[in-house]
Amino acid sequence: MAKEPCVYILASGRRGYIYIGVTSHVPGRLWQHRNDVFDGYAKRRNCKRLVRIETYPTMVEAIAREKQLKNWHRQWKINLIEGDNGEWRDLAVEMGLS
């Protein structure tokens, strides 16, 4: 997978804890989350399932979207995820990144 700016959403499970992040390299960042490289919210809440990813032309746009999503109400985030991924599948598996 080529490097491209994106916003990603991880979850601990279906309708569980939600973590929103930004990266330009999904495989590397996902590996960090799944191997508990950094302490923080995602590690404490066991958010390891990739449930949504949005790509952007620039990192500036990706960061702006991340900030927007982090300010949303929880239900709005759930609705966003379930709009494309109602089963809360781990998209990393579908991308060959399991």
Protein backbone atom coordinates (compact mmCIF):
# COMPACT_ATOMS: atom_id res chain seq x y z
CA MET A 1 0.00 0.00 0.00
CA ALA A 2 1.45 3.36 -1.05
CA LYS A 3 1.74 6.15 1.45
CA GLU A 4 -1.23 8.49 1.32
CA PRO A 5 -2.79 10.74 3.96
CA CYS A 6 -5.81 9.21 5.62
CA VAL A 7 -8.05 9.27 8.64
CA TYR A 8 -8.73 5.89 10.21
CA ILE A 9 -11.12 4.70 12.86
CA LEU A 10 -10.34 1.79 15.15
CA ALA A 11 -12.79 0.11 17.49
CA SER A 12 -12.55 -2.32 20.35
CA GLY A 13 -15.53 -4.23 18.96
CA ARG A 14 -18.98 -3.64 17.55
CA ARG A 15 -20.23 -0.36 19.02
CA GLY A 16 -17.33 -0.48 21.46
CA TYR A 17 -14.70 2.13 22.14
CA ILE A 18 -13.77 4.25 19.14
CA TYR A 19 -10.38 5.76 18.31
CA ILE A 20 -9.79 8.23 15.46
CA GLY A 21 -6.32 8.84 14.08
CA VAL A 22 -4.45 10.18 11.07
CA THR A 23 -1.51 8.66 9.21
CA SER A 24 0.17 8.49 5.84
CA HIS A 25 1.04 4.81 6.20
CA VAL A 26 -1.83 2.60 7.33
CA PRO A 27 0.07 -0.72 7.49
CA GLY A 28 2.76 0.71 9.77
CA ARG A 29 0.34 2.56 12.01
CA LEU A 30 -1.95 -0.44 12.29
CA TRP A 31 1.02 -2.61 13.24
CA GLN A 32 1.88 -0.10 16.00
CA HIS A 33 -1.66 -0.24 17.37
CA ARG A 34 -1.88 -4.02 17.26
CA ASN A 35 1.48 -4.42 18.97
CA ASP A 36 0.78 -1.81 21.68
CA VAL A 37 3.82 0.26 20.72
CA PHE A 38 2.48 3.46 22.31
CA ASP A 39 0.60 4.02 25.54
CA GLY A 40 -2.61 5.95 25.16
CA TYR A 41 -6.34 5.79 24.62
CA ALA A 42 -6.30 3.15 21.87
CA LYS A 43 -4.06 0.81 23.88
CA ARG A 44 -6.00 1.27 27.14
CA ARG A 45 -9.31 0.61 25.35
CA ASN A 46 -7.99 -2.23 23.14
CA CYS A 47 -8.96 -0.45 19.90
CA LYS A 48 -7.39 -2.66 17.24
CA ARG A 49 -10.15 -3.31 14.70
CA LEU A 50 -9.93 -1.05 11.62
CA VAL A 51 -13.56 -0.13 10.91
CA ARG A 52 -13.22 2.90 8.62
CA ILE A 53 -10.61 4.60 6.49
CA GLU A 54 -10.84 7.81 4.47
CA THR A 55 -8.06 8.96 2.15
CA TYR A 56 -7.21 12.58 1.30
CA PRO A 57 -5.00 14.35 -1.24
CA THR A 58 -3.00 16.15 1.47
CA MET A 59 -2.10 15.65 5.11
CA VAL A 60 -3.57 19.07 5.90
CA GLU A 61 -6.98 17.86 4.71
CA ALA A 62 -6.65 14.58 6.60
CA ILE A 63 -5.78 16.39 9.83
CA ALA A 64 -8.72 18.78 9.39
CA ARG A 65 -11.08 15.80 8.96
CA GLU A 66 -9.60 14.03 11.99
CA LYS A 67 -10.24 17.11 14.12
CA GLN A 68 -13.78 17.38 12.75
CA LEU A 69 -14.57 13.75 13.54
CA LYS A 70 -13.09 13.94 17.03
CA ASN A 71 -15.57 16.74 17.79
CA TRP A 72 -18.58 14.73 16.63
CA HIS A 73 -21.04 13.12 19.02
CA ARG A 74 -20.53 9.40 19.54
CA GLN A 75 -23.76 8.49 17.73
CA TRP A 76 -22.67 10.45 14.65
CA LYS A 77 -19.43 8.44 14.60
CA ILE A 78 -21.35 5.19 14.92
CA ASN A 79 -23.67 6.25 12.09
CA LEU A 80 -20.65 7.08 9.91
CA ILE A 81 -19.06 3.68 10.53
CA GLU A 82 -22.28 1.75 10.06
CA GLY A 83 -23.06 3.61 6.83
CA ASP A 84 -20.33 1.62 5.07
CA ASN A 85 -19.49 -1.12 7.56
CA GLY A 86 -22.64 -2.13 9.40
CA GLU A 87 -21.05 -5.33 10.67
CA TRP A 88 -18.00 -3.50 12.03
CA ARG A 89 -15.75 -5.84 10.01
CA ASP A 90 -12.01 -5.50 10.43
CA LEU A 91 -11.14 -3.79 7.14
CA ALA A 92 -7.46 -4.59 7.64
CA VAL A 93 -8.24 -8.23 6.84
CA GLU A 94 -9.89 -7.20 3.58
CA MET A 95 -6.85 -5.06 2.77
CA GLY A 96 -4.51 -7.99 3.45
CA LEU A 97 -3.07 -6.33 6.57
CA SER A 98 -4.29 -8.71 9.24
